[in-house]
Amino acid sequence: MTSLGVPVHMRFGDIDSFGHVNNVVQLQYLEDARVRLSEMRIEGIEGVPDGTTFRKLTGGHLTVVGRQEVEYTAQLHYRLDPIVAQVWVSHVGRTSYVLNYRLQERDSERGDGGTVFAVAQSTTVQIDRGTGEPQPLTDEQRRFLAFYQAEPVAFGRRPGGE
């Protein structure tokens, strides 16, 4: 899987009165990963100018979150060592794309992720800055997103399931 791993350094203020990282703060961690993905300079993708970013490829359009779903799988307590916010693409539509996330600890002994604290998906829609109407993604944007494309996250608990 090609994904972007963003280190997240917690602040003591991220902790709520229950002693764990508040769910709203975890959404901010996902936002940071999403923004960093849009600012990644990419090289060597056919049909995409070297050194460009997804943000530059939007051509003045806006990208907005149209939907977001999060499943919290373990309590996240304050720690000095950073956790990792993984982000990747699972679907590219005409005017939107689906980003997937995993918040997890970094396990340096195994060289892979340790405890997963949350998994999430967000649908991002490209809109016209003036009208707010959805705008089609360009071929360059599709190629950029395809570089980070992999299988969607697997949610363990869905409404209605026990």
N, C-alpha and C. Protein backbone atom coordinates (compact mmCIF):
# COMPACT_ATOMS: atom_id res chain seq x y z
N MET A 1 0.85 -1.18 0.00
CA MET A 1 0.00 0.00 0.00
C MET A 1 0.89 1.24 0.00
N THR A 2 0.57 2.18 -0.85
CA THR A 2 1.25 3.47 -0.85
C THR A 2 0.43 4.43 -0.01
N SER A 3 0.98 4.84 1.09
CA SER A 3 0.29 5.79 1.95
C SER A 3 1.29 6.80 2.45
N LEU A 4 0.78 7.85 3.02
CA LEU A 4 1.62 8.87 3.63
C LEU A 4 1.50 8.71 5.14
N GLY A 5 2.62 8.59 5.83
CA GLY A 5 2.64 8.51 7.28
C GLY A 5 3.07 9.84 7.87
N VAL A 6 2.18 10.45 8.61
CA VAL A 6 2.45 11.77 9.21
C VAL A 6 2.66 11.59 10.71
N PRO A 7 3.85 11.93 11.23
CA PRO A 7 4.04 11.85 12.68
C PRO A 7 3.18 12.89 13.40
N VAL A 8 2.54 12.48 14.47
CA VAL A 8 1.70 13.38 15.26
C VAL A 8 2.32 13.49 16.65
N HIS A 9 2.74 14.69 16.99
CA HIS A 9 3.30 14.96 18.32
C HIS A 9 2.18 15.57 19.15
N MET A 10 1.76 14.85 20.17
CA MET A 10 0.67 15.31 21.01
C MET A 10 1.10 16.46 21.91
N ARG A 11 0.10 17.26 22.24
CA ARG A 11 0.28 18.30 23.24
C ARG A 11 -0.50 17.87 24.48
N PHE A 12 -0.03 18.24 25.63
CA PHE A 12 -0.74 17.87 26.86
C PHE A 12 -2.17 18.39 26.82
N GLY A 13 -2.39 19.52 26.18
CA GLY A 13 -3.72 20.11 26.07
C GLY A 13 -4.68 19.31 25.20
N ASP A 14 -4.18 18.29 24.49
CA ASP A 14 -5.04 17.43 23.67
C ASP A 14 -5.87 16.48 24.53
N ILE A 15 -5.51 16.36 25.80
CA ILE A 15 -6.16 15.42 26.71
C ILE A 15 -7.40 16.06 27.30
N ASP A 16 -8.50 15.30 27.37
CA ASP A 16 -9.73 15.82 27.95
C ASP A 16 -9.87 15.39 29.41
N SER A 17 -10.99 15.71 30.02
CA SER A 17 -11.18 15.42 31.44
C SER A 17 -11.27 13.92 31.74
N PHE A 18 -11.41 13.09 30.71
CA PHE A 18 -11.45 11.64 30.90
C PHE A 18 -10.06 11.01 30.78
N GLY A 19 -9.05 11.84 30.54
CA GLY A 19 -7.67 11.35 30.50
C GLY A 19 -7.21 10.78 29.18
N HIS A 20 -7.99 10.99 28.12
CA HIS A 20 -7.55 10.52 26.80
C HIS A 20 -7.69 11.64 25.78
N VAL A 21 -7.13 11.42 24.59
CA VAL A 21 -7.20 12.44 23.54
C VAL A 21 -8.65 12.54 23.08
N ASN A 22 -9.19 13.72 23.13
CA ASN A 22 -10.56 13.97 22.76
C ASN A 22 -10.82 13.62 21.30
N ASN A 23 -12.03 13.14 20.99
CA ASN A 23 -12.36 12.75 19.62
C ASN A 23 -12.22 13.91 18.63
N VAL A 24 -12.53 15.12 19.04
CA VAL A 24 -12.40 16.27 18.15
C VAL A 24 -10.93 16.52 17.82
N VAL A 25 -10.06 16.34 18.78
CA VAL A 25 -8.63 16.50 18.55
C VAL A 25 -8.13 15.44 17.57
N GLN A 26 -8.65 14.21 17.70
CA GLN A 26 -8.25 13.16 16.76
C GLN A 26 -8.68 13.52 15.33
N LEU A 27 -9.82 14.17 15.18
CA LEU A 27 -10.22 14.66 13.85
C LEU A 27 -9.23 15.70 13.33
N GLN A 28 -8.67 16.50 14.22
CA GLN A 28 -7.65 17.46 13.81
C GLN A 28 -6.39 16.75 13.34
N TYR A 29 -6.03 15.63 13.97
CA TYR A 29 -4.88 14.84 13.51
C TYR A 29 -5.13 14.35 12.09
N LEU A 30 -6.36 13.91 11.80
CA LEU A 30 -6.70 13.45 10.45
C LEU A 30 -6.64 14.62 9.46
N GLU A 31 -7.12 15.77 9.89
CA GLU A 31 -7.07 16.95 9.04
C GLU A 31 -5.63 17.29 8.67
N ASP A 32 -4.74 17.20 9.64
CA ASP A 32 -3.33 17.49 9.38
C ASP A 32 -2.77 16.53 8.33
N ALA A 33 -3.11 15.25 8.44
CA ALA A 33 -2.65 14.26 7.46
C ALA A 33 -3.22 14.58 6.08
N ARG A 34 -4.49 14.95 6.01
CA ARG A 34 -5.13 15.29 4.73
C ARG A 34 -4.46 16.49 4.08
N VAL A 35 -4.18 17.52 4.87
CA VAL A 35 -3.53 18.72 4.34
C VAL A 35 -2.11 18.40 3.87
N ARG A 36 -1.38 17.61 4.65
CA ARG A 36 -0.01 17.25 4.24
C ARG A 36 0.00 16.44 2.95
N LEU A 37 -0.99 15.57 2.77
CA LEU A 37 -1.08 14.83 1.51
C LEU A 37 -1.27 15.79 0.34
N SER A 38 -2.12 16.79 0.53
CA SER A 38 -2.37 17.76 -0.56
C SER A 38 -1.15 18.63 -0.85
N GLU A 39 -0.22 18.71 0.10
CA GLU A 39 0.98 19.53 -0.08
C GLU A 39 2.22 18.72 -0.44
N MET A 40 2.08 17.38 -0.59
CA MET A 40 3.22 16.54 -0.96
C MET A 40 3.69 16.88 -2.37
N ARG A 41 4.98 17.10 -2.52
CA ARG A 41 5.56 17.29 -3.86
C ARG A 41 5.86 15.91 -4.40
N ILE A 42 5.36 15.65 -5.58
CA ILE A 42 5.47 14.31 -6.13
C ILE A 42 6.34 14.32 -7.38
N GLU A 43 7.08 13.26 -7.56
CA GLU A 43 8.00 13.11 -8.70
C GLU A 43 7.75 11.78 -9.39
N GLY A 44 7.95 11.75 -10.69
CA GLY A 44 7.97 10.50 -11.43
C GLY A 44 6.64 9.87 -11.75
N ILE A 45 5.55 10.63 -11.71
CA ILE A 45 4.25 10.10 -12.12
C ILE A 45 3.98 10.61 -13.53
N GLU A 46 3.81 9.68 -14.44
CA GLU A 46 3.57 10.06 -15.83
C GLU A 46 2.31 10.91 -15.93
N GLY A 47 2.43 12.04 -16.62
CA GLY A 47 1.29 12.93 -16.81
C GLY A 47 1.08 13.94 -15.71
N VAL A 48 1.98 13.94 -14.70
CA VAL A 48 1.90 14.92 -13.61
C VAL A 48 3.24 15.64 -13.54
N PRO A 49 3.25 16.97 -13.63
CA PRO A 49 4.52 17.70 -13.59
C PRO A 49 5.31 17.38 -12.31
N ASP A 50 6.60 17.08 -12.47
CA ASP A 50 7.45 16.82 -11.31
C ASP A 50 7.45 18.01 -10.35
N GLY A 51 7.42 17.71 -9.07
CA GLY A 51 7.50 18.74 -8.05
C GLY A 51 6.18 19.44 -7.75
N THR A 52 5.11 19.01 -8.39
CA THR A 52 3.83 19.67 -8.13
C THR A 52 3.16 19.05 -6.91
N THR A 53 2.14 19.72 -6.42
CA THR A 53 1.34 19.22 -5.30
C THR A 53 -0.11 19.10 -5.76
N PHE A 54 -0.88 18.31 -5.02
CA PHE A 54 -2.30 18.19 -5.36
C PHE A 54 -2.97 19.55 -5.23
N ARG A 55 -2.58 20.30 -4.24
CA ARG A 55 -3.19 21.63 -4.05
C ARG A 55 -2.98 22.51 -5.27
N LYS A 56 -1.79 22.47 -5.86
CA LYS A 56 -1.54 23.25 -7.08
C LYS A 56 -2.39 22.75 -8.24
N LEU A 57 -2.66 21.45 -8.26
CA LEU A 57 -3.45 20.87 -9.34
C LEU A 57 -4.93 21.21 -9.27
N THR A 58 -5.39 21.79 -8.15
CA THR A 58 -6.80 22.14 -8.03
C THR A 58 -7.16 23.35 -8.89
N GLY A 59 -6.17 24.09 -9.34
CA GLY A 59 -6.44 25.20 -10.25
C GLY A 59 -7.35 26.27 -9.70
N GLY A 60 -7.28 26.52 -8.42
CA GLY A 60 -8.10 27.56 -7.82
C GLY A 60 -9.43 27.07 -7.26
N HIS A 61 -9.78 25.82 -7.54
CA HIS A 61 -10.99 25.25 -6.93
C HIS A 61 -10.71 24.95 -5.46
N LEU A 62 -11.76 24.73 -4.72
CA LEU A 62 -11.63 24.35 -3.32
C LEU A 62 -11.88 22.85 -3.17
N THR A 63 -11.29 22.27 -2.15
CA THR A 63 -11.63 20.90 -1.78
C THR A 63 -12.20 20.95 -0.37
N VAL A 64 -13.37 20.35 -0.20
CA VAL A 64 -14.06 20.39 1.08
C VAL A 64 -14.45 18.97 1.50
N VAL A 65 -14.53 18.75 2.79
CA VAL A 65 -14.97 17.45 3.30
C VAL A 65 -16.48 17.40 3.21
N GLY A 66 -16.99 16.40 2.50
CA GLY A 66 -18.42 16.22 2.33
C GLY A 66 -18.99 15.18 3.28
N ARG A 67 -18.14 14.30 3.74
CA ARG A 67 -18.58 13.22 4.64
C ARG A 67 -17.36 12.72 5.40
N GLN A 68 -17.59 12.31 6.65
CA GLN A 68 -16.49 11.75 7.44
C GLN A 68 -17.05 10.72 8.42
N GLU A 69 -16.34 9.61 8.54
CA GLU A 69 -16.73 8.55 9.47
C GLU A 69 -15.48 8.10 10.21
N VAL A 70 -15.61 7.97 11.54
CA VAL A 70 -14.49 7.57 12.38
C VAL A 70 -14.93 6.44 13.30
N GLU A 71 -14.06 5.47 13.45
CA GLU A 71 -14.28 4.41 14.43
C GLU A 71 -13.10 4.42 15.38
N TYR A 72 -13.37 4.66 16.66
CA TYR A 72 -12.33 4.71 17.67
C TYR A 72 -12.15 3.28 18.20
N THR A 73 -10.95 2.75 18.09
CA THR A 73 -10.72 1.34 18.41
C THR A 73 -9.96 1.12 19.71
N ALA A 74 -9.28 2.13 20.20
CA ALA A 74 -8.56 2.04 21.48
C ALA A 74 -8.40 3.45 22.03
N GLN A 75 -8.37 3.55 23.36
CA GLN A 75 -8.17 4.88 23.95
C GLN A 75 -6.75 5.36 23.67
N LEU A 76 -6.65 6.61 23.33
CA LEU A 76 -5.36 7.23 23.05
C LEU A 76 -5.03 8.16 24.21
N HIS A 77 -4.00 7.78 24.96
CA HIS A 77 -3.55 8.57 26.11
C HIS A 77 -2.32 9.38 25.73
N TYR A 78 -2.07 10.41 26.51
CA TYR A 78 -0.92 11.27 26.25
C TYR A 78 0.37 10.46 26.26
N ARG A 79 1.26 10.81 25.33
CA ARG A 79 2.57 10.15 25.24
C ARG A 79 3.56 11.15 24.65
N LEU A 80 4.81 10.97 24.99
CA LEU A 80 5.86 11.83 24.45
C LEU A 80 6.26 11.40 23.03
N ASP A 81 6.25 10.09 22.78
CA ASP A 81 6.60 9.60 21.45
C ASP A 81 5.44 9.87 20.50
N PRO A 82 5.75 10.27 19.27
CA PRO A 82 4.67 10.54 18.32
C PRO A 82 3.93 9.27 17.91
N ILE A 83 2.68 9.46 17.55
CA ILE A 83 1.92 8.41 16.88
C ILE A 83 1.98 8.73 15.39
N VAL A 84 1.38 7.90 14.56
CA VAL A 84 1.41 8.11 13.11
C VAL A 84 -0.02 8.18 12.58
N ALA A 85 -0.27 9.16 11.73
CA ALA A 85 -1.53 9.25 11.00
C ALA A 85 -1.24 8.82 9.57
N GLN A 86 -1.70 7.62 9.21
CA GLN A 86 -1.55 7.12 7.84
C GLN A 86 -2.73 7.63 7.03
N VAL A 87 -2.49 8.05 5.79
CA VAL A 87 -3.57 8.50 4.91
C VAL A 87 -3.32 7.95 3.52
N TRP A 88 -4.40 7.48 2.87
CA TRP A 88 -4.32 6.98 1.50
C TRP A 88 -5.69 7.11 0.84
N VAL A 89 -5.73 6.90 -0.45
CA VAL A 89 -6.94 7.04 -1.27
C VAL A 89 -7.51 5.65 -1.54
N SER A 90 -8.84 5.50 -1.46
CA SER A 90 -9.44 4.21 -1.83
C SER A 90 -10.38 4.32 -3.03
N HIS A 91 -10.84 5.51 -3.35
CA HIS A 91 -11.77 5.66 -4.47
C HIS A 91 -11.64 7.06 -5.06
N VAL A 92 -11.69 7.14 -6.38
CA VAL A 92 -11.69 8.43 -7.06
C VAL A 92 -12.93 8.47 -7.94
N GLY A 93 -13.80 9.44 -7.68
CA GLY A 93 -15.02 9.62 -8.46
C GLY A 93 -14.86 10.74 -9.47
N ARG A 94 -15.97 11.24 -9.97
CA ARG A 94 -15.93 12.31 -10.97
C ARG A 94 -15.52 13.64 -10.35
N THR A 95 -16.11 13.97 -9.18
CA THR A 95 -15.82 15.25 -8.53
C THR A 95 -15.29 15.08 -7.11
N SER A 96 -15.11 13.84 -6.69
CA SER A 96 -14.71 13.59 -5.30
C SER A 96 -13.77 12.39 -5.21
N TYR A 97 -13.18 12.25 -4.02
CA TYR A 97 -12.31 11.10 -3.74
C TYR A 97 -12.43 10.75 -2.26
N VAL A 98 -12.15 9.49 -1.95
CA VAL A 98 -12.28 9.00 -0.58
C VAL A 98 -10.88 8.80 0.00
N LEU A 99 -10.63 9.47 1.12
CA LEU A 99 -9.38 9.29 1.86
C LEU A 99 -9.64 8.35 3.02
N ASN A 100 -8.65 7.55 3.34
CA ASN A 100 -8.71 6.60 4.45
C ASN A 100 -7.60 6.94 5.42
N TYR A 101 -7.85 6.68 6.69
CA TYR A 101 -6.89 7.05 7.73
C TYR A 101 -6.76 5.93 8.76
N ARG A 102 -5.59 5.90 9.35
CA ARG A 102 -5.35 5.01 10.50
C ARG A 102 -4.46 5.79 11.46
N LEU A 103 -4.93 5.98 12.70
CA LEU A 103 -4.10 6.57 13.76
C LEU A 103 -3.53 5.41 14.55
N GLN A 104 -2.22 5.32 14.62
CA GLN A 104 -1.61 4.19 15.30
C GLN A 104 -0.29 4.58 15.93
N GLU A 105 0.13 3.75 16.90
CA GLU A 105 1.44 3.99 17.47
C GLU A 105 2.49 3.40 16.55
N ARG A 106 3.67 3.92 16.65
CA ARG A 106 4.80 3.42 15.87
C ARG A 106 5.54 2.41 16.72
N ASP A 107 5.68 1.21 16.22
CA ASP A 107 6.38 0.15 16.94
C ASP A 107 7.76 -0.01 16.30
N SER A 108 8.76 0.61 16.89
CA SER A 108 10.10 0.62 16.29
C SER A 108 10.77 -0.74 16.30
N GLU A 109 10.39 -1.61 17.25
CA GLU A 109 11.00 -2.94 17.30
C GLU A 109 10.55 -3.80 16.12
N ARG A 110 9.26 -3.74 15.78
CA ARG A 110 8.74 -4.54 14.69
C ARG A 110 8.90 -3.85 13.35
N GLY A 111 9.07 -2.53 13.37
CA GLY A 111 9.21 -1.79 12.13
C GLY A 111 7.88 -1.50 11.45
N ASP A 112 6.78 -1.79 12.13
CA ASP A 112 5.47 -1.47 11.58
C ASP A 112 4.63 -0.82 12.67
N GLY A 113 3.37 -0.62 12.38
CA GLY A 113 2.50 0.04 13.34
C GLY A 113 2.13 -0.85 14.50
N GLY A 114 1.96 -0.24 15.64
CA GLY A 114 1.51 -0.95 16.82
C GLY A 114 0.01 -0.78 16.97
N THR A 115 -0.44 -0.44 18.15
CA THR A 115 -1.86 -0.29 18.46
C THR A 115 -2.51 0.71 17.52
N VAL A 116 -3.67 0.33 16.99
CA VAL A 116 -4.47 1.23 16.15
C VAL A 116 -5.51 1.88 17.05
N PHE A 117 -5.52 3.21 17.08
CA PHE A 117 -6.42 3.96 17.94
C PHE A 117 -7.72 4.35 17.24
N ALA A 118 -7.63 4.55 15.93
CA ALA A 118 -8.83 4.93 15.17
C ALA A 118 -8.60 4.63 13.69
N VAL A 119 -9.69 4.32 13.00
CA VAL A 119 -9.69 4.24 11.53
C VAL A 119 -10.79 5.18 11.06
N ALA A 120 -10.61 5.72 9.86
CA ALA A 120 -11.57 6.72 9.39
C ALA A 120 -11.57 6.79 7.87
N GLN A 121 -12.62 7.40 7.35
CA GLN A 121 -12.73 7.73 5.94
C GLN A 121 -13.33 9.12 5.83
N SER A 122 -12.91 9.85 4.82
CA SER A 122 -13.57 11.11 4.50
C SER A 122 -13.71 11.21 2.99
N THR A 123 -14.84 11.76 2.56
CA THR A 123 -15.05 12.02 1.15
C THR A 123 -14.79 13.50 0.93
N THR A 124 -13.87 13.79 0.04
CA THR A 124 -13.49 15.16 -0.27
C THR A 124 -14.05 15.52 -1.64
N VAL A 125 -14.72 16.64 -1.72
CA VAL A 125 -15.35 17.08 -2.96
C VAL A 125 -14.65 18.33 -3.45
N GLN A 126 -14.39 18.37 -4.76
CA GLN A 126 -13.81 19.57 -5.37
C GLN A 126 -14.96 20.47 -5.82
N ILE A 127 -14.94 21.73 -5.38
CA ILE A 127 -16.01 22.66 -5.74
C ILE A 127 -15.46 23.94 -6.33
N ASP A 128 -16.30 24.62 -7.08
CA ASP A 128 -15.96 25.93 -7.64
C ASP A 128 -15.98 26.96 -6.52
N ARG A 129 -14.95 27.75 -6.47
CA ARG A 129 -14.80 28.74 -5.40
C ARG A 129 -15.95 29.74 -5.38
N GLY A 130 -16.45 30.13 -6.53
CA GLY A 130 -17.51 31.14 -6.60
C GLY A 130 -18.91 30.60 -6.42
N THR A 131 -19.20 29.47 -7.08
CA THR A 131 -20.58 28.96 -7.08
C THR A 131 -20.83 27.89 -6.02
N GLY A 132 -19.77 27.24 -5.56
CA GLY A 132 -19.93 26.15 -4.61
C GLY A 132 -20.38 24.85 -5.27
N GLU A 133 -20.44 24.81 -6.59
CA GLU A 133 -20.87 23.63 -7.32
C GLU A 133 -19.71 22.64 -7.47
N PRO A 134 -20.00 21.33 -7.39
CA PRO A 134 -18.95 20.32 -7.60
C PRO A 134 -18.30 20.47 -8.98
N GLN A 135 -16.98 20.26 -9.02
CA GLN A 135 -16.21 20.38 -10.25
C GLN A 135 -15.47 19.08 -10.53
N PRO A 136 -15.43 18.66 -11.80
CA PRO A 136 -14.74 17.40 -12.13
C PRO A 136 -13.25 17.47 -11.82
N LEU A 137 -12.72 16.34 -11.38
CA LEU A 137 -11.28 16.21 -11.17
C LEU A 137 -10.61 16.11 -12.54
N THR A 138 -9.41 16.66 -12.66
CA THR A 138 -8.67 16.60 -13.92
C THR A 138 -7.93 15.26 -14.01
N ASP A 139 -7.44 14.96 -15.20
CA ASP A 139 -6.64 13.74 -15.38
C ASP A 139 -5.38 13.79 -14.51
N GLU A 140 -4.74 14.97 -14.40
CA GLU A 140 -3.55 15.10 -13.54
C GLU A 140 -3.89 14.79 -12.09
N GLN A 141 -5.01 15.31 -11.63
CA GLN A 141 -5.42 15.05 -10.24
C GLN A 141 -5.66 13.56 -10.03
N ARG A 142 -6.31 12.91 -10.99
CA ARG A 142 -6.58 11.48 -10.88
C ARG A 142 -5.29 10.67 -10.82
N ARG A 143 -4.30 11.05 -11.61
CA ARG A 143 -3.01 10.35 -11.59
C ARG A 143 -2.32 10.54 -10.25
N PHE A 144 -2.36 11.76 -9.74
CA PHE A 144 -1.76 12.04 -8.43
C PHE A 144 -2.42 11.15 -7.37
N LEU A 145 -3.74 11.14 -7.32
CA LEU A 145 -4.47 10.36 -6.32
C LEU A 145 -4.23 8.86 -6.49
N ALA A 146 -4.09 8.42 -7.73
CA ALA A 146 -3.86 6.99 -7.99
C ALA A 146 -2.54 6.52 -7.38
N PHE A 147 -1.57 7.41 -7.26
CA PHE A 147 -0.29 7.06 -6.65
C PHE A 147 -0.47 6.59 -5.21
N TYR A 148 -1.46 7.14 -4.51
CA TYR A 148 -1.72 6.82 -3.10
C TYR A 148 -2.91 5.87 -2.93
N GLN A 149 -3.32 5.21 -4.01
CA GLN A 149 -4.53 4.40 -3.94
C GLN A 149 -4.26 2.99 -3.42
N ALA A 150 -5.15 2.52 -2.54
CA ALA A 150 -5.09 1.18 -1.96
C ALA A 150 -6.49 0.82 -1.47
N GLU A 151 -6.60 -0.33 -0.83
CA GLU A 151 -7.88 -0.81 -0.33
C GLU A 151 -8.41 0.10 0.78
N PRO A 152 -9.74 0.20 0.90
CA PRO A 152 -10.31 1.03 1.97
C PRO A 152 -10.09 0.42 3.35
N VAL A 153 -10.19 1.27 4.37
CA VAL A 153 -10.11 0.77 5.74
C VAL A 153 -11.27 -0.19 5.98
N ALA A 154 -11.07 -1.10 6.91
CA ALA A 154 -12.12 -2.03 7.29
C ALA A 154 -12.67 -1.58 8.64
N PHE A 155 -13.89 -1.11 8.64
CA PHE A 155 -14.53 -0.74 9.89
C PHE A 155 -15.00 -2.02 10.56
N GLY A 156 -14.78 -2.13 11.85
CA GLY A 156 -15.16 -3.34 12.59
C GLY A 156 -16.56 -3.31 13.11
N ARG A 157 -17.04 -2.12 13.42
CA ARG A 157 -18.37 -1.99 14.02
C ARG A 157 -19.21 -1.04 13.17
N ARG A 158 -20.30 -1.51 12.67
CA ARG A 158 -21.21 -0.70 11.89
C ARG A 158 -22.52 -0.55 12.65
N PRO A 159 -23.24 0.55 12.48
CA PRO A 159 -24.54 0.70 13.14
C PRO A 159 -25.45 -0.48 12.77
N GLY A 160 -26.17 -0.97 13.77
CA GLY A 160 -27.08 -2.09 13.55
C GLY A 160 -26.42 -3.44 13.78
N GLY A 161 -25.09 -3.47 13.82
CA GLY A 161 -24.37 -4.72 14.08
C GLY A 161 -23.99 -4.81 15.54
N GLU A 162 -23.92 -5.98 16.05
CA GLU A 162 -23.56 -6.15 17.46
C GLU A 162 -22.19 -6.77 17.56
